[in-house]
């Protein structure tokens, strides 16, 4: 009889997978934005819409966490994982918004490189989240986590080169400020991918 009062089973893995898939969509849209420099406002709006969708999923996941007695993995890990995942799109949306607000139409090679690294990292996050549901192949998940860490290092290196190039070649200090902020938002998004990988790695090792 007590079972009647328990909440229906919640699949937190559904939340992770849906969120990760949207993040891949968002990073792909950003990559398209910086690849051409065309239709920037429309693409920035689409990215903002995707960011809102990920916020909704995060809210639902946290709400379900408060209503669920027994969780498939540690409660703290669920909360940390979904919030770090949410941070990724926050930074992507911030970068897109600034490109639109600052009316930047000529894209740099560095912003394209950072966007490419981020999109690849988001794809690895999605694949790792899909594998997290059953943990049948922990080694493949751990390999993806290593790949995400490697991509984060690649993003760090691109950021350092990009900022050095800005200070060396850009004569307009306002442009330096604009692009540095955008670069740093993108690198922060890649940092959050690494945070997600570290959480997933911990979950895998706990259940190995």
N, C-alpha and C. Protein backbone atom coordinates (compact mmCIF):
# COMPACT_ATOMS: atom_id res chain seq x y z
N UNK A 1 0.84 -1.21 0.00
CA UNK A 1 0.00 0.00 0.00
C UNK A 1 0.87 1.26 0.00
N UNK A 2 2.01 1.18 0.72
CA UNK A 2 2.88 2.34 0.79
C UNK A 2 3.35 2.75 -0.60
N UNK A 3 3.49 1.78 -1.51
CA UNK A 3 3.96 2.05 -2.86
C UNK A 3 3.09 3.04 -3.59
N UNK A 4 1.81 3.12 -3.23
CA UNK A 4 0.91 4.07 -3.89
C UNK A 4 1.34 5.50 -3.67
N UNK A 5 2.06 5.75 -2.59
CA UNK A 5 2.46 7.12 -2.25
C UNK A 5 3.85 7.47 -2.79
N UNK A 6 4.54 6.48 -3.36
CA UNK A 6 5.85 6.75 -3.93
C UNK A 6 5.71 7.40 -5.30
N UNK A 7 6.60 8.33 -5.65
CA UNK A 7 6.53 8.95 -6.98
C UNK A 7 6.84 7.92 -8.06
N UNK A 8 6.33 8.14 -9.26
CA UNK A 8 6.63 7.26 -10.37
C UNK A 8 8.13 7.30 -10.66
N UNK A 9 8.64 6.17 -11.17
CA UNK A 9 10.07 6.07 -11.44
C UNK A 9 10.51 7.14 -12.44
N UNK A 10 11.58 7.79 -12.11
CA UNK A 10 12.13 8.83 -12.98
C UNK A 10 13.43 8.32 -13.59
N UNK A 11 13.57 8.46 -14.90
CA UNK A 11 14.82 8.09 -15.54
C UNK A 11 15.69 9.33 -15.67
N UNK A 12 16.63 9.46 -14.77
CA UNK A 12 17.54 10.60 -14.84
C UNK A 12 18.42 10.52 -16.08
N UNK A 13 18.62 9.30 -16.57
CA UNK A 13 19.42 9.14 -17.79
C UNK A 13 18.73 9.79 -18.99
N UNK A 14 17.41 9.79 -18.99
CA UNK A 14 16.67 10.50 -20.06
C UNK A 14 17.00 11.98 -20.03
N UNK A 15 17.03 12.55 -18.84
CA UNK A 15 17.37 13.98 -18.71
C UNK A 15 18.77 14.25 -19.24
N UNK A 16 19.72 13.40 -18.84
CA UNK A 16 21.10 13.60 -19.29
C UNK A 16 21.21 13.52 -20.82
N UNK A 17 20.56 12.51 -21.39
CA UNK A 17 20.66 12.29 -22.84
C UNK A 17 19.98 13.41 -23.63
N UNK A 18 18.80 13.83 -23.16
CA UNK A 18 18.09 14.92 -23.84
C UNK A 18 18.89 16.21 -23.78
N UNK A 19 19.45 16.48 -22.61
CA UNK A 19 20.23 17.69 -22.41
C UNK A 19 21.47 17.68 -23.30
N UNK A 20 22.16 16.54 -23.33
CA UNK A 20 23.39 16.42 -24.12
C UNK A 20 23.10 16.57 -25.61
N UNK A 21 21.98 16.00 -26.08
CA UNK A 21 21.62 16.11 -27.50
C UNK A 21 21.34 17.57 -27.88
N UNK A 22 20.66 18.30 -27.01
CA UNK A 22 20.41 19.71 -27.27
C UNK A 22 21.70 20.52 -27.27
N UNK A 23 22.61 20.17 -26.39
CA UNK A 23 23.90 20.87 -26.34
C UNK A 23 24.68 20.67 -27.63
N UNK A 24 24.63 19.46 -28.17
CA UNK A 24 25.27 19.21 -29.47
C UNK A 24 24.62 20.09 -30.54
N UNK A 25 23.29 20.19 -30.51
CA UNK A 25 22.58 21.07 -31.46
C UNK A 25 23.03 22.52 -31.30
N UNK A 26 23.16 22.95 -30.04
CA UNK A 26 23.56 24.33 -29.78
C UNK A 26 24.96 24.64 -30.25
N UNK A 27 25.89 23.72 -30.00
CA UNK A 27 27.28 23.95 -30.43
C UNK A 27 27.39 23.87 -31.96
N UNK A 28 26.55 23.02 -32.57
CA UNK A 28 26.53 22.94 -34.04
C UNK A 28 26.02 24.25 -34.64
N UNK A 29 25.00 24.81 -34.01
CA UNK A 29 24.45 26.09 -34.48
C UNK A 29 25.48 27.20 -34.32
N UNK A 30 26.22 27.17 -33.23
CA UNK A 30 27.25 28.18 -33.03
C UNK A 30 28.36 28.02 -34.06
N UNK A 31 28.73 26.79 -34.34
CA UNK A 31 29.76 26.52 -35.35
C UNK A 31 29.32 27.07 -36.70
N UNK A 32 28.04 26.92 -37.01
CA UNK A 32 27.50 27.46 -38.26
C UNK A 32 27.54 28.99 -38.26
N UNK A 33 27.26 29.57 -37.09
CA UNK A 33 27.26 31.03 -36.96
C UNK A 33 28.63 31.61 -37.29
N UNK A 34 29.68 31.01 -36.71
CA UNK A 34 31.02 31.58 -36.91
C UNK A 34 31.66 31.13 -38.22
N UNK A 35 31.12 30.08 -38.82
CA UNK A 35 31.68 29.60 -40.08
C UNK A 35 31.43 30.59 -41.21
N UNK A 36 30.23 31.20 -41.19
CA UNK A 36 29.84 32.08 -42.30
C UNK A 36 29.76 33.55 -41.91
N UNK A 37 29.42 33.82 -40.65
CA UNK A 37 29.18 35.20 -40.23
C UNK A 37 27.90 35.76 -40.80
N UNK A 38 27.04 34.87 -41.31
CA UNK A 38 25.77 35.30 -41.91
C UNK A 38 24.61 34.92 -40.99
N UNK A 39 23.52 35.67 -41.11
CA UNK A 39 22.30 35.41 -40.32
C UNK A 39 22.61 35.29 -38.82
N UNK A 40 23.46 36.17 -38.36
CA UNK A 40 23.95 36.07 -36.97
C UNK A 40 22.81 36.22 -35.96
N UNK A 41 21.96 37.21 -36.14
CA UNK A 41 20.89 37.43 -35.16
C UNK A 41 19.94 36.25 -35.10
N UNK A 42 19.58 35.69 -36.25
CA UNK A 42 18.67 34.54 -36.27
C UNK A 42 19.31 33.34 -35.60
N UNK A 43 20.58 33.11 -35.88
CA UNK A 43 21.27 31.97 -35.28
C UNK A 43 21.48 32.18 -33.78
N UNK A 44 21.76 33.40 -33.38
CA UNK A 44 21.91 33.70 -31.94
C UNK A 44 20.58 33.47 -31.22
N UNK A 45 19.47 33.82 -31.86
CA UNK A 45 18.15 33.57 -31.25
C UNK A 45 17.89 32.07 -31.12
N UNK A 46 18.28 31.32 -32.15
CA UNK A 46 18.09 29.86 -32.09
C UNK A 46 18.92 29.27 -30.96
N UNK A 47 20.14 29.75 -30.79
CA UNK A 47 20.99 29.27 -29.69
C UNK A 47 20.37 29.62 -28.34
N UNK A 48 19.81 30.82 -28.24
CA UNK A 48 19.13 31.22 -26.99
C UNK A 48 17.94 30.32 -26.71
N UNK A 49 17.21 29.93 -27.76
CA UNK A 49 16.07 29.02 -27.60
C UNK A 49 16.54 27.65 -27.09
N UNK A 50 17.63 27.17 -27.66
CA UNK A 50 18.18 25.88 -27.22
C UNK A 50 18.63 25.97 -25.77
N UNK A 51 19.28 27.08 -25.42
CA UNK A 51 19.72 27.26 -24.03
C UNK A 51 18.52 27.24 -23.08
N UNK A 52 17.42 27.84 -23.50
CA UNK A 52 16.20 27.83 -22.67
C UNK A 52 15.68 26.40 -22.52
N UNK A 53 15.71 25.63 -23.58
CA UNK A 53 15.26 24.23 -23.53
C UNK A 53 16.12 23.42 -22.56
N UNK A 54 17.42 23.66 -22.57
CA UNK A 54 18.29 22.93 -21.63
C UNK A 54 18.01 23.37 -20.19
N UNK A 55 17.68 24.64 -20.00
CA UNK A 55 17.32 25.11 -18.66
C UNK A 55 16.08 24.38 -18.14
N UNK A 56 15.11 24.18 -19.02
CA UNK A 56 13.87 23.49 -18.63
C UNK A 56 14.18 22.05 -18.21
N UNK A 57 15.03 21.38 -18.98
CA UNK A 57 15.41 20.00 -18.63
C UNK A 57 16.12 19.96 -17.29
N UNK A 58 17.04 20.91 -17.09
CA UNK A 58 17.77 20.97 -15.81
C UNK A 58 16.81 21.16 -14.65
N UNK A 59 15.84 22.06 -14.82
CA UNK A 59 14.86 22.33 -13.76
C UNK A 59 14.05 21.06 -13.46
N UNK A 60 13.63 20.38 -14.50
CA UNK A 60 12.83 19.15 -14.31
C UNK A 60 13.65 18.07 -13.62
N UNK A 61 14.92 17.98 -13.99
CA UNK A 61 15.79 16.97 -13.38
C UNK A 61 15.99 17.25 -11.90
N UNK A 62 16.27 18.50 -11.55
CA UNK A 62 16.48 18.86 -10.14
C UNK A 62 15.18 18.67 -9.35
N UNK A 63 14.06 19.03 -9.96
CA UNK A 63 12.75 18.84 -9.31
C UNK A 63 12.50 17.37 -9.05
N UNK A 64 12.78 16.52 -10.05
CA UNK A 64 12.59 15.07 -9.88
C UNK A 64 13.51 14.52 -8.80
N UNK A 65 14.70 15.07 -8.72
CA UNK A 65 15.67 14.60 -7.73
C UNK A 65 15.13 14.80 -6.32
N UNK A 66 14.45 15.91 -6.10
CA UNK A 66 13.88 16.20 -4.78
C UNK A 66 12.69 15.30 -4.45
N UNK A 67 12.10 14.69 -5.48
CA UNK A 67 10.91 13.86 -5.27
C UNK A 67 11.20 12.37 -5.33
N UNK A 68 12.44 12.01 -5.61
CA UNK A 68 12.80 10.60 -5.79
C UNK A 68 13.56 10.08 -4.59
N UNK A 69 13.08 8.95 -4.05
CA UNK A 69 13.71 8.38 -2.86
C UNK A 69 14.98 7.61 -3.20
N UNK A 70 14.90 6.79 -4.24
CA UNK A 70 16.03 5.95 -4.62
C UNK A 70 16.50 6.37 -6.01
N UNK A 71 17.79 6.71 -6.14
CA UNK A 71 18.32 7.18 -7.41
C UNK A 71 19.33 6.16 -7.95
N UNK A 72 19.48 6.08 -9.28
CA UNK A 72 20.37 5.07 -9.87
C UNK A 72 21.84 5.32 -9.60
N UNK A 73 22.21 6.57 -9.41
CA UNK A 73 23.57 6.93 -9.02
C UNK A 73 23.46 7.95 -7.89
N UNK A 74 24.58 8.26 -7.30
CA UNK A 74 24.59 9.17 -6.15
C UNK A 74 23.86 10.49 -6.45
N UNK A 75 23.03 10.93 -5.50
CA UNK A 75 22.20 12.12 -5.69
C UNK A 75 23.06 13.35 -6.01
N UNK A 76 24.16 13.48 -5.29
CA UNK A 76 25.04 14.63 -5.50
C UNK A 76 25.63 14.61 -6.91
N UNK A 77 25.96 13.42 -7.40
CA UNK A 77 26.49 13.30 -8.74
C UNK A 77 25.46 13.68 -9.80
N UNK A 78 24.21 13.30 -9.56
CA UNK A 78 23.15 13.67 -10.49
C UNK A 78 23.02 15.19 -10.56
N UNK A 79 23.00 15.83 -9.40
CA UNK A 79 22.85 17.28 -9.35
C UNK A 79 24.05 17.98 -9.99
N UNK A 80 25.24 17.53 -9.65
CA UNK A 80 26.45 18.16 -10.22
C UNK A 80 26.53 17.94 -11.72
N UNK A 81 26.15 16.75 -12.17
CA UNK A 81 26.24 16.44 -13.59
C UNK A 81 25.29 17.31 -14.41
N UNK A 82 24.03 17.40 -14.01
CA UNK A 82 23.07 18.15 -14.82
C UNK A 82 23.36 19.66 -14.77
N UNK A 83 23.86 20.15 -13.64
CA UNK A 83 24.15 21.59 -13.56
C UNK A 83 25.41 21.95 -14.34
N UNK A 84 26.42 21.08 -14.34
CA UNK A 84 27.61 21.35 -15.15
C UNK A 84 27.27 21.26 -16.63
N UNK A 85 26.42 20.32 -16.99
CA UNK A 85 25.97 20.23 -18.38
C UNK A 85 25.24 21.51 -18.78
N UNK A 86 24.45 22.04 -17.87
CA UNK A 86 23.70 23.25 -18.17
C UNK A 86 24.62 24.45 -18.36
N UNK A 87 25.72 24.46 -17.64
CA UNK A 87 26.69 25.55 -17.77
C UNK A 87 27.26 25.65 -19.18
N UNK A 88 27.38 24.50 -19.86
CA UNK A 88 27.97 24.50 -21.21
C UNK A 88 27.18 25.41 -22.13
N UNK A 89 25.86 25.20 -22.18
CA UNK A 89 25.02 26.01 -23.07
C UNK A 89 24.92 27.45 -22.59
N UNK A 90 25.05 27.68 -21.30
CA UNK A 90 25.05 29.07 -20.80
C UNK A 90 26.20 29.85 -21.44
N UNK A 91 27.38 29.25 -21.49
CA UNK A 91 28.54 29.93 -22.07
C UNK A 91 28.43 30.05 -23.59
N UNK A 92 27.87 29.03 -24.24
CA UNK A 92 27.67 29.10 -25.69
C UNK A 92 26.71 30.24 -26.03
N UNK A 93 25.63 30.30 -25.28
CA UNK A 93 24.64 31.35 -25.51
C UNK A 93 25.23 32.73 -25.25
N UNK A 94 26.08 32.84 -24.22
CA UNK A 94 26.72 34.12 -23.91
C UNK A 94 27.63 34.56 -25.05
N UNK A 95 28.39 33.62 -25.63
CA UNK A 95 29.28 33.96 -26.75
C UNK A 95 28.48 34.40 -27.97
N UNK A 96 27.40 33.67 -28.28
CA UNK A 96 26.57 34.01 -29.44
C UNK A 96 25.91 35.37 -29.26
N UNK A 97 25.42 35.62 -28.05
CA UNK A 97 24.75 36.88 -27.75
C UNK A 97 25.72 38.06 -27.94
N UNK A 98 26.95 37.89 -27.51
CA UNK A 98 27.92 38.98 -27.64
C UNK A 98 28.32 39.23 -29.09
N UNK A 99 28.43 38.18 -29.87
CA UNK A 99 28.73 38.38 -31.29
C UNK A 99 27.62 39.21 -31.94
N UNK A 100 26.38 38.90 -31.58
CA UNK A 100 25.24 39.65 -32.13
C UNK A 100 25.21 41.08 -31.60
N UNK A 101 25.37 41.24 -30.29
CA UNK A 101 25.29 42.56 -29.67
C UNK A 101 26.43 43.47 -30.13
N UNK A 102 27.61 42.89 -30.29
CA UNK A 102 28.77 43.68 -30.71
C UNK A 102 28.82 43.90 -32.22
N UNK A 103 27.83 43.29 -32.92
CA UNK A 103 27.70 43.45 -34.39
C UNK A 103 28.99 43.03 -35.11
N UNK A 104 29.52 41.91 -34.66
CA UNK A 104 30.72 41.36 -35.30
C UNK A 104 30.29 40.49 -36.47
N UNK A 105 30.79 40.78 -37.64
CA UNK A 105 30.41 40.03 -38.84
C UNK A 105 31.59 39.33 -39.50
N UNK A 106 32.79 39.81 -39.23
CA UNK A 106 34.00 39.17 -39.78
C UNK A 106 34.57 38.25 -38.69
N UNK A 107 34.45 36.96 -38.92
CA UNK A 107 34.87 35.98 -37.91
C UNK A 107 36.37 35.72 -38.01
N UNK A 108 36.96 35.34 -36.90
CA UNK A 108 38.38 35.02 -36.87
C UNK A 108 38.59 33.51 -36.98
N UNK A 109 39.78 33.12 -37.41
CA UNK A 109 40.11 31.69 -37.48
C UNK A 109 40.06 31.06 -36.09
N UNK A 110 40.44 31.86 -35.09
CA UNK A 110 40.49 31.34 -33.72
C UNK A 110 39.11 31.04 -33.16
N UNK A 111 38.12 31.88 -33.46
CA UNK A 111 36.78 31.60 -32.95
C UNK A 111 36.21 30.35 -33.62
N UNK A 112 36.56 30.14 -34.87
CA UNK A 112 36.13 28.92 -35.57
C UNK A 112 36.79 27.69 -34.94
N UNK A 113 38.08 27.82 -34.63
CA UNK A 113 38.80 26.69 -34.02
C UNK A 113 38.22 26.34 -32.65
N UNK A 114 37.95 27.36 -31.85
CA UNK A 114 37.37 27.13 -30.53
C UNK A 114 35.98 26.51 -30.64
N UNK A 115 35.19 26.97 -31.59
CA UNK A 115 33.85 26.43 -31.80
C UNK A 115 33.91 24.97 -32.23
N UNK A 116 34.89 24.65 -33.07
CA UNK A 116 35.06 23.27 -33.54
C UNK A 116 35.43 22.34 -32.39
N UNK A 117 36.38 22.75 -31.57
CA UNK A 117 36.78 21.95 -30.42
C UNK A 117 35.60 21.74 -29.48
N UNK A 118 34.85 22.79 -29.23
CA UNK A 118 33.70 22.71 -28.33
C UNK A 118 32.65 21.75 -28.88
N UNK A 119 32.38 21.83 -30.18
CA UNK A 119 31.37 20.95 -30.78
C UNK A 119 31.79 19.49 -30.67
N UNK A 120 33.08 19.22 -30.88
CA UNK A 120 33.57 17.84 -30.75
C UNK A 120 33.48 17.36 -29.30
N UNK A 121 33.79 18.25 -28.36
CA UNK A 121 33.70 17.88 -26.94
C UNK A 121 32.25 17.60 -26.55
N UNK A 122 31.32 18.41 -27.06
CA UNK A 122 29.90 18.19 -26.77
C UNK A 122 29.43 16.84 -27.32
N UNK A 123 29.95 16.46 -28.49
CA UNK A 123 29.61 15.16 -29.06
C UNK A 123 30.11 14.01 -28.19
N UNK A 124 31.30 14.16 -27.63
CA UNK A 124 31.83 13.14 -26.73
C UNK A 124 31.02 13.07 -25.43
N UNK A 125 30.58 14.23 -24.94
CA UNK A 125 29.73 14.26 -23.75
C UNK A 125 28.43 13.51 -24.01
N UNK A 126 27.83 13.75 -25.17
CA UNK A 126 26.58 13.07 -25.52
C UNK A 126 26.79 11.55 -25.55
N UNK A 127 27.86 11.11 -26.21
CA UNK A 127 28.13 9.67 -26.30
C UNK A 127 28.36 9.06 -24.92
N UNK A 128 29.08 9.78 -24.06
CA UNK A 128 29.34 9.28 -22.71
C UNK A 128 28.05 9.18 -21.91
N UNK A 129 27.17 10.15 -22.06
CA UNK A 129 25.88 10.14 -21.35
C UNK A 129 25.01 8.97 -21.79
N UNK A 130 25.04 8.66 -23.08
CA UNK A 130 24.26 7.53 -23.59
C UNK A 130 24.76 6.21 -23.01
N UNK A 131 26.07 6.10 -22.83
CA UNK A 131 26.66 4.87 -22.30
C UNK A 131 26.48 4.75 -20.79
N UNK A 132 26.20 5.87 -20.14
CA UNK A 132 26.10 5.89 -18.67
C UNK A 132 24.89 5.10 -18.18
N UNK A 133 23.89 4.93 -19.05
CA UNK A 133 22.63 4.29 -18.65
C UNK A 133 22.84 2.85 -18.17
N UNK A 134 23.70 2.10 -18.84
CA UNK A 134 23.84 0.69 -18.45
C UNK A 134 25.25 0.30 -18.01
N UNK A 135 26.24 1.12 -18.32
CA UNK A 135 27.63 0.87 -17.89
C UNK A 135 28.15 -0.50 -18.35
N UNK A 136 27.68 -0.95 -19.53
CA UNK A 136 28.12 -2.25 -20.03
C UNK A 136 29.58 -2.22 -20.49
N UNK A 137 30.03 -1.06 -20.93
CA UNK A 137 31.40 -0.95 -21.43
C UNK A 137 32.10 0.24 -20.77
N UNK A 138 32.48 0.05 -19.49
CA UNK A 138 33.06 1.20 -18.75
C UNK A 138 34.33 1.74 -19.39
N UNK A 139 35.12 0.87 -20.02
CA UNK A 139 36.38 1.34 -20.60
C UNK A 139 36.15 2.32 -21.75
N UNK A 140 35.10 2.09 -22.54
CA UNK A 140 34.81 3.01 -23.64
C UNK A 140 34.35 4.37 -23.12
N UNK A 141 33.62 4.36 -21.99
CA UNK A 141 33.19 5.63 -21.37
C UNK A 141 34.41 6.38 -20.86
N UNK A 142 35.31 5.66 -20.20
CA UNK A 142 36.51 6.29 -19.66
C UNK A 142 37.38 6.86 -20.79
N UNK A 143 37.40 6.15 -21.92
CA UNK A 143 38.16 6.65 -23.07
C UNK A 143 37.57 7.96 -23.57
N UNK A 144 36.24 8.04 -23.60
CA UNK A 144 35.60 9.29 -24.03
C UNK A 144 35.92 10.42 -23.06
N UNK A 145 35.97 10.10 -21.77
CA UNK A 145 36.32 11.12 -20.78
C UNK A 145 37.74 11.63 -21.01
N UNK A 146 38.65 10.72 -21.35
CA UNK A 146 40.03 11.12 -21.66
C UNK A 146 40.06 12.01 -22.91
N UNK A 147 39.24 11.64 -23.91
CA UNK A 147 39.18 12.44 -25.14
C UNK A 147 38.66 13.85 -24.85
N UNK A 148 37.68 13.96 -23.95
CA UNK A 148 37.14 15.27 -23.58
C UNK A 148 38.21 16.10 -22.88
N UNK A 149 38.98 15.47 -22.00
CA UNK A 149 40.08 16.16 -21.33
C UNK A 149 41.11 16.65 -22.34
N UNK A 150 41.38 15.82 -23.34
CA UNK A 150 42.34 16.20 -24.39
C UNK A 150 41.81 17.40 -25.18
N UNK A 151 40.53 17.39 -25.48
CA UNK A 151 39.92 18.50 -26.22
C UNK A 151 39.94 19.79 -25.39
N UNK A 152 39.76 19.65 -24.09
CA UNK A 152 39.82 20.83 -23.22
C UNK A 152 41.22 21.43 -23.25
N UNK A 153 42.24 20.57 -23.25
CA UNK A 153 43.62 21.06 -23.36
C UNK A 153 43.85 21.74 -24.70
N UNK A 154 43.26 21.19 -25.75
CA UNK A 154 43.37 21.79 -27.07
C UNK A 154 42.72 23.18 -27.07
N UNK A 155 41.56 23.27 -26.41
CA UNK A 155 40.88 24.57 -26.31
C UNK A 155 41.70 25.58 -25.54
N UNK A 156 42.35 25.14 -24.47
CA UNK A 156 43.23 26.02 -23.69
C UNK A 156 44.34 26.59 -24.57
N UNK A 157 44.95 25.71 -25.35
CA UNK A 157 46.06 26.13 -26.21
C UNK A 157 45.60 27.13 -27.27
N UNK A 158 44.42 26.88 -27.85
CA UNK A 158 43.87 27.81 -28.85
C UNK A 158 43.60 29.17 -28.21
N UNK A 159 43.04 29.15 -27.00
CA UNK A 159 42.75 30.41 -26.30
C UNK A 159 44.02 31.21 -26.07
N UNK A 160 45.07 30.56 -25.62
CA UNK A 160 46.33 31.27 -25.36
C UNK A 160 46.87 31.91 -26.65
N UNK A 161 46.84 31.14 -27.73
CA UNK A 161 47.33 31.68 -29.01
C UNK A 161 46.43 32.81 -29.50
N UNK A 162 45.12 32.65 -29.31
CA UNK A 162 44.16 33.65 -29.79
C UNK A 162 44.34 34.98 -29.07
N UNK A 163 44.51 34.92 -27.75
CA UNK A 163 44.67 36.15 -26.97
C UNK A 163 46.02 36.81 -27.29
N UNK A 164 47.06 35.99 -27.43
CA UNK A 164 48.37 36.54 -27.79
C UNK A 164 48.31 37.24 -29.14
N UNK A 165 47.62 36.64 -30.09
CA UNK A 165 47.48 37.23 -31.42
C UNK A 165 46.70 38.54 -31.37
N UNK A 166 45.64 38.56 -30.54
CA UNK A 166 44.85 39.79 -30.38
C UNK A 166 45.73 40.94 -29.90
N UNK A 167 46.49 40.70 -28.85
CA UNK A 167 47.32 41.76 -28.29
C UNK A 167 48.44 42.18 -29.24
N UNK A 168 48.89 41.25 -30.06
CA UNK A 168 49.98 41.55 -30.97
C UNK A 168 49.51 42.26 -32.24
N UNK A 169 48.34 41.85 -32.78
CA UNK A 169 47.95 42.33 -34.10
C UNK A 169 46.78 43.31 -34.12
N UNK A 170 45.88 43.23 -33.14
CA UNK A 170 44.69 44.09 -33.16
C UNK A 170 45.03 45.46 -32.56
N UNK A 171 44.82 46.51 -33.35
CA UNK A 171 45.16 47.87 -32.91
C UNK A 171 44.04 48.55 -32.14
N UNK A 172 42.82 48.07 -32.33
CA UNK A 172 41.66 48.68 -31.66
C UNK A 172 41.43 47.98 -30.32
N UNK A 173 41.65 48.68 -29.20
CA UNK A 173 41.49 48.03 -27.89
C UNK A 173 40.07 47.54 -27.62
N UNK A 174 39.07 48.20 -28.21
CA UNK A 174 37.68 47.76 -28.03
C UNK A 174 37.48 46.39 -28.68
N UNK A 175 38.07 46.20 -29.85
CA UNK A 175 37.97 44.90 -30.52
C UNK A 175 38.67 43.82 -29.70
N UNK A 176 39.78 44.19 -29.08
CA UNK A 176 40.49 43.24 -28.22
C UNK A 176 39.58 42.77 -27.10
N UNK A 177 38.91 43.72 -26.45
CA UNK A 177 38.01 43.39 -25.33
C UNK A 177 36.87 42.49 -25.80
N UNK A 178 36.27 42.83 -26.94
CA UNK A 178 35.14 42.05 -27.46
C UNK A 178 35.53 40.61 -27.75
N UNK A 179 36.60 40.44 -28.53
CA UNK A 179 36.97 39.09 -28.93
C UNK A 179 37.52 38.27 -27.77
N UNK A 180 38.24 38.90 -26.88
CA UNK A 180 38.77 38.18 -25.71
C UNK A 180 37.63 37.61 -24.88
N UNK A 181 36.58 38.39 -24.70
CA UNK A 181 35.43 37.93 -23.93
C UNK A 181 34.76 36.73 -24.62
N UNK A 182 34.61 36.81 -25.92
CA UNK A 182 33.99 35.72 -26.68
C UNK A 182 34.84 34.46 -26.61
N UNK A 183 36.14 34.61 -26.83
CA UNK A 183 37.04 33.46 -26.74
C UNK A 183 36.95 32.80 -25.37
N UNK A 184 36.95 33.60 -24.33
CA UNK A 184 36.95 33.06 -22.97
C UNK A 184 35.64 32.35 -22.65
N UNK A 185 34.52 32.85 -23.18
CA UNK A 185 33.25 32.15 -22.98
C UNK A 185 33.28 30.77 -23.62
N UNK A 186 33.84 30.68 -24.82
CA UNK A 186 33.92 29.40 -25.51
C UNK A 186 34.85 28.44 -24.79
N UNK A 187 35.97 28.93 -24.31
CA UNK A 187 36.90 28.07 -23.59
C UNK A 187 36.29 27.62 -22.27
N UNK A 188 35.50 28.49 -21.64
CA UNK A 188 34.81 28.11 -20.40
C UNK A 188 33.79 27.01 -20.65
N UNK A 189 33.13 27.07 -21.80
CA UNK A 189 32.18 26.01 -22.17
C UNK A 189 32.90 24.68 -22.30
N UNK A 190 34.09 24.71 -22.90
CA UNK A 190 34.89 23.48 -23.04
C UNK A 190 35.37 23.01 -21.67
N UNK A 191 35.69 23.93 -20.78
CA UNK A 191 36.05 23.58 -19.40
C UNK A 191 34.92 22.80 -18.73
N UNK A 192 33.68 23.26 -18.96
CA UNK A 192 32.54 22.58 -18.35
C UNK A 192 32.35 21.19 -18.92
N UNK A 193 32.69 21.00 -20.19
CA UNK A 193 32.67 19.65 -20.77
C UNK A 193 33.63 18.75 -19.99
N UNK A 194 34.80 19.30 -19.65
CA UNK A 194 35.77 18.53 -18.87
C UNK A 194 35.23 18.23 -17.48
N UNK A 195 34.54 19.19 -16.86
CA UNK A 195 33.93 18.96 -15.55
C UNK A 195 32.93 17.80 -15.63
N UNK A 196 32.12 17.80 -16.69
CA UNK A 196 31.15 16.73 -16.90
C UNK A 196 31.87 15.39 -17.04
N UNK A 197 32.95 15.37 -17.82
CA UNK A 197 33.72 14.15 -18.01
C UNK A 197 34.27 13.63 -16.70
N UNK A 198 34.74 14.54 -15.85
CA UNK A 198 35.30 14.14 -14.56
C UNK A 198 34.23 13.52 -13.66
N UNK A 199 33.03 14.08 -13.70
CA UNK A 199 31.92 13.53 -12.90
C UNK A 199 31.55 12.15 -13.42
N UNK A 200 31.42 12.02 -14.74
CA UNK A 200 31.07 10.73 -15.34
C UNK A 200 32.14 9.69 -15.02
N UNK A 201 33.40 10.09 -15.11
CA UNK A 201 34.49 9.18 -14.78
C UNK A 201 34.38 8.68 -13.34
N UNK A 202 34.04 9.58 -12.43
CA UNK A 202 33.88 9.19 -11.03
C UNK A 202 32.74 8.20 -10.85
N UNK A 203 31.63 8.43 -11.55
CA UNK A 203 30.47 7.52 -11.48
C UNK A 203 30.87 6.13 -11.99
N UNK A 204 31.57 6.09 -13.12
CA UNK A 204 31.98 4.82 -13.71
C UNK A 204 32.90 4.06 -12.76
N UNK A 205 33.86 4.75 -12.18
CA UNK A 205 34.81 4.08 -11.28
C UNK A 205 34.14 3.59 -10.01
N UNK A 206 33.13 4.34 -9.55
CA UNK A 206 32.39 3.91 -8.34
C UNK A 206 31.59 2.63 -8.59
N UNK A 207 31.12 2.47 -9.84
CA UNK A 207 30.26 1.32 -10.15
C UNK A 207 31.00 0.21 -10.87
N UNK A 208 32.31 0.36 -11.02
CA UNK A 208 33.09 -0.66 -11.74
C UNK A 208 33.17 -1.95 -10.91
